[in-house]
């Protein structure tokens, strides 16, 4: 998929780059992030990206991640 950029939770309009500093400062895991921000709490399509973001610090993705991959 040439030209794909995934950098936010579309349901909540929250950019991953804006979420990461708070998540790191607060020590959030994915469940904490969903509870505190709502990101990943509606359709859930961004959850694999949020999970990877928390692990690697990446905030922009250019490939489709499905399921529990992270």
N, C-alpha and C. Protein backbone atom coordinates (compact mmCIF):
# COMPACT_ATOMS: atom_id res chain seq x y z
N UNK A 1 0.85 -1.18 0.00
CA UNK A 1 0.00 0.00 0.00
C UNK A 1 0.90 1.24 0.00
N UNK A 2 1.20 1.70 -1.15
CA UNK A 2 2.05 2.88 -1.28
C UNK A 2 1.32 4.12 -0.77
N UNK A 3 2.04 4.94 -0.05
CA UNK A 3 1.49 6.21 0.39
C UNK A 3 0.62 6.17 1.62
N UNK A 4 0.53 5.04 2.30
CA UNK A 4 -0.31 4.95 3.49
C UNK A 4 0.42 5.57 4.68
N UNK A 5 -0.30 6.38 5.45
CA UNK A 5 0.22 6.95 6.69
C UNK A 5 -0.84 6.83 7.76
N UNK A 6 -0.49 6.18 8.85
CA UNK A 6 -1.40 6.01 9.97
C UNK A 6 -0.72 6.67 11.16
N UNK A 7 -1.34 7.75 11.67
CA UNK A 7 -0.69 8.50 12.74
C UNK A 7 -1.64 8.96 13.83
N UNK A 8 -2.87 8.40 13.83
CA UNK A 8 -3.82 8.86 14.83
C UNK A 8 -4.99 7.91 14.99
N UNK A 9 -5.68 8.08 16.10
CA UNK A 9 -6.96 7.42 16.34
C UNK A 9 -8.00 8.26 15.61
N UNK A 10 -8.60 7.70 14.59
CA UNK A 10 -9.57 8.46 13.79
C UNK A 10 -10.86 8.73 14.55
N UNK A 11 -11.31 7.80 15.35
CA UNK A 11 -12.57 7.98 16.08
C UNK A 11 -12.51 9.17 17.04
N UNK A 12 -11.37 9.32 17.69
CA UNK A 12 -11.21 10.38 18.69
C UNK A 12 -10.43 11.57 18.15
N UNK A 13 -9.82 11.43 16.96
CA UNK A 13 -9.04 12.52 16.38
C UNK A 13 -7.76 12.83 17.14
N UNK A 14 -7.19 11.81 17.80
CA UNK A 14 -6.01 12.02 18.62
C UNK A 14 -4.76 11.48 17.92
N UNK A 15 -3.78 12.35 17.72
CA UNK A 15 -2.53 11.96 17.08
C UNK A 15 -1.70 11.13 18.04
N UNK A 16 -1.08 10.07 17.53
CA UNK A 16 -0.23 9.23 18.35
C UNK A 16 0.91 10.05 18.96
N UNK A 17 1.46 10.99 18.19
CA UNK A 17 2.57 11.83 18.68
C UNK A 17 2.14 12.68 19.87
N UNK A 18 0.87 13.01 19.97
CA UNK A 18 0.38 13.77 21.12
C UNK A 18 0.11 12.87 22.32
N UNK A 19 -0.20 11.61 22.07
CA UNK A 19 -0.50 10.67 23.14
C UNK A 19 0.75 10.11 23.81
N UNK A 20 1.80 9.90 23.03
CA UNK A 20 2.98 9.21 23.54
C UNK A 20 3.64 9.90 24.74
N UNK A 21 3.88 11.20 24.72
CA UNK A 21 4.54 11.81 25.88
C UNK A 21 3.78 11.63 27.19
N UNK A 22 2.47 11.76 27.14
CA UNK A 22 1.66 11.58 28.34
C UNK A 22 1.68 10.12 28.78
N UNK A 23 1.56 9.21 27.82
CA UNK A 23 1.59 7.79 28.15
C UNK A 23 2.90 7.42 28.83
N UNK A 24 4.00 7.94 28.33
CA UNK A 24 5.31 7.64 28.93
C UNK A 24 5.42 8.28 30.31
N UNK A 25 5.00 9.53 30.43
CA UNK A 25 5.11 10.23 31.72
C UNK A 25 4.26 9.56 32.80
N UNK A 26 3.09 9.05 32.40
CA UNK A 26 2.17 8.43 33.35
C UNK A 26 2.39 6.94 33.53
N UNK A 27 3.23 6.35 32.66
CA UNK A 27 3.47 4.91 32.74
C UNK A 27 2.29 4.08 32.29
N UNK A 28 1.51 4.61 31.35
CA UNK A 28 0.31 3.92 30.89
C UNK A 28 0.63 2.69 30.06
N UNK A 29 -0.21 1.67 30.20
CA UNK A 29 -0.25 0.58 29.25
C UNK A 29 -1.45 0.86 28.34
N UNK A 30 -1.75 -0.07 27.45
CA UNK A 30 -2.83 0.17 26.49
C UNK A 30 -4.17 0.37 27.18
N UNK A 31 -4.47 -0.44 28.17
CA UNK A 31 -5.75 -0.30 28.87
C UNK A 31 -5.87 1.06 29.55
N UNK A 32 -4.78 1.54 30.13
CA UNK A 32 -4.78 2.87 30.76
C UNK A 32 -5.06 3.94 29.72
N UNK A 33 -4.41 3.82 28.55
CA UNK A 33 -4.58 4.82 27.50
C UNK A 33 -6.03 4.87 27.02
N UNK A 34 -6.62 3.72 26.82
CA UNK A 34 -8.02 3.66 26.38
C UNK A 34 -8.91 4.32 27.43
N UNK A 35 -8.71 3.98 28.67
CA UNK A 35 -9.53 4.51 29.75
C UNK A 35 -9.36 6.03 29.90
N UNK A 36 -8.14 6.52 29.85
CA UNK A 36 -7.86 7.93 30.11
C UNK A 36 -8.11 8.85 28.93
N UNK A 37 -7.95 8.34 27.69
CA UNK A 37 -8.06 9.22 26.52
C UNK A 37 -9.21 8.86 25.59
N UNK A 38 -9.67 7.62 25.66
CA UNK A 38 -10.69 7.15 24.72
C UNK A 38 -10.10 6.62 23.43
N UNK A 39 -8.82 6.88 23.17
CA UNK A 39 -8.18 6.36 21.96
C UNK A 39 -8.20 4.84 22.01
N UNK A 40 -8.65 4.23 20.93
CA UNK A 40 -8.74 2.78 20.87
C UNK A 40 -10.00 2.21 21.50
N UNK A 41 -10.87 3.07 21.98
CA UNK A 41 -12.05 2.61 22.70
C UNK A 41 -13.31 2.47 21.89
N UNK A 42 -13.30 2.96 20.68
CA UNK A 42 -14.52 2.83 19.85
C UNK A 42 -14.35 1.68 18.87
N UNK A 43 -13.91 1.96 17.67
CA UNK A 43 -13.81 0.89 16.67
C UNK A 43 -12.65 -0.06 16.94
N UNK A 44 -11.60 0.42 17.61
CA UNK A 44 -10.47 -0.43 17.98
C UNK A 44 -9.42 -0.64 16.91
N UNK A 45 -9.61 -0.06 15.73
CA UNK A 45 -8.63 -0.27 14.66
C UNK A 45 -7.25 0.29 14.98
N UNK A 46 -7.18 1.28 15.85
CA UNK A 46 -5.88 1.85 16.18
C UNK A 46 -5.17 1.11 17.31
N UNK A 47 -5.83 0.19 17.95
CA UNK A 47 -5.22 -0.51 19.09
C UNK A 47 -3.87 -1.16 18.76
N UNK A 48 -3.73 -1.86 17.63
CA UNK A 48 -2.41 -2.44 17.34
C UNK A 48 -1.33 -1.37 17.17
N UNK A 49 -1.70 -0.22 16.65
CA UNK A 49 -0.74 0.88 16.47
C UNK A 49 -0.39 1.50 17.82
N UNK A 50 -1.39 1.67 18.68
CA UNK A 50 -1.14 2.20 20.01
C UNK A 50 -0.24 1.24 20.79
N UNK A 51 -0.50 -0.04 20.67
CA UNK A 51 0.31 -1.05 21.37
C UNK A 51 1.76 -0.95 20.90
N UNK A 52 1.97 -0.89 19.59
CA UNK A 52 3.33 -0.79 19.06
C UNK A 52 3.96 0.53 19.47
N UNK A 53 3.18 1.62 19.46
CA UNK A 53 3.70 2.91 19.87
C UNK A 53 4.25 2.83 21.29
N UNK A 54 3.50 2.20 22.19
CA UNK A 54 3.94 2.09 23.57
C UNK A 54 5.21 1.26 23.71
N UNK A 55 5.39 0.29 22.85
CA UNK A 55 6.57 -0.58 22.90
C UNK A 55 7.79 0.09 22.27
N UNK A 56 7.59 0.70 21.08
CA UNK A 56 8.72 1.16 20.29
C UNK A 56 8.92 2.67 20.28
N UNK A 57 7.87 3.43 20.59
CA UNK A 57 7.95 4.88 20.49
C UNK A 57 7.60 5.41 19.11
N UNK A 58 7.31 4.51 18.17
CA UNK A 58 6.89 4.95 16.83
C UNK A 58 5.53 5.65 16.93
N UNK A 59 5.35 6.72 16.15
CA UNK A 59 4.06 7.40 16.15
C UNK A 59 3.48 7.56 14.75
N UNK A 60 4.22 7.13 13.75
CA UNK A 60 3.74 7.16 12.36
C UNK A 60 4.04 5.79 11.76
N UNK A 61 3.01 5.21 11.13
CA UNK A 61 3.14 3.88 10.57
C UNK A 61 2.79 3.90 9.09
N UNK A 62 3.48 3.05 8.33
CA UNK A 62 3.27 3.02 6.88
C UNK A 62 2.87 1.63 6.41
N UNK A 63 2.50 0.76 7.33
CA UNK A 63 2.00 -0.56 7.00
C UNK A 63 0.75 -0.84 7.85
N UNK A 64 -0.08 -1.73 7.34
CA UNK A 64 -1.29 -2.13 8.05
C UNK A 64 -0.89 -3.17 9.11
N UNK A 65 -1.31 -2.93 10.33
CA UNK A 65 -1.11 -3.88 11.43
C UNK A 65 -2.50 -4.37 11.82
N UNK A 66 -2.64 -5.68 11.92
CA UNK A 66 -3.95 -6.23 12.27
C UNK A 66 -3.87 -7.00 13.57
N UNK A 67 -5.01 -7.19 14.17
CA UNK A 67 -5.12 -8.03 15.36
C UNK A 67 -4.26 -7.58 16.50
N UNK A 68 -3.63 -8.52 17.15
CA UNK A 68 -2.83 -8.24 18.34
C UNK A 68 -1.36 -7.99 18.01
N UNK A 69 -1.02 -7.89 16.73
CA UNK A 69 0.38 -7.66 16.37
C UNK A 69 0.86 -6.38 17.02
N UNK A 70 2.09 -6.33 17.37
CA UNK A 70 2.62 -5.15 17.99
C UNK A 70 4.07 -5.15 17.94
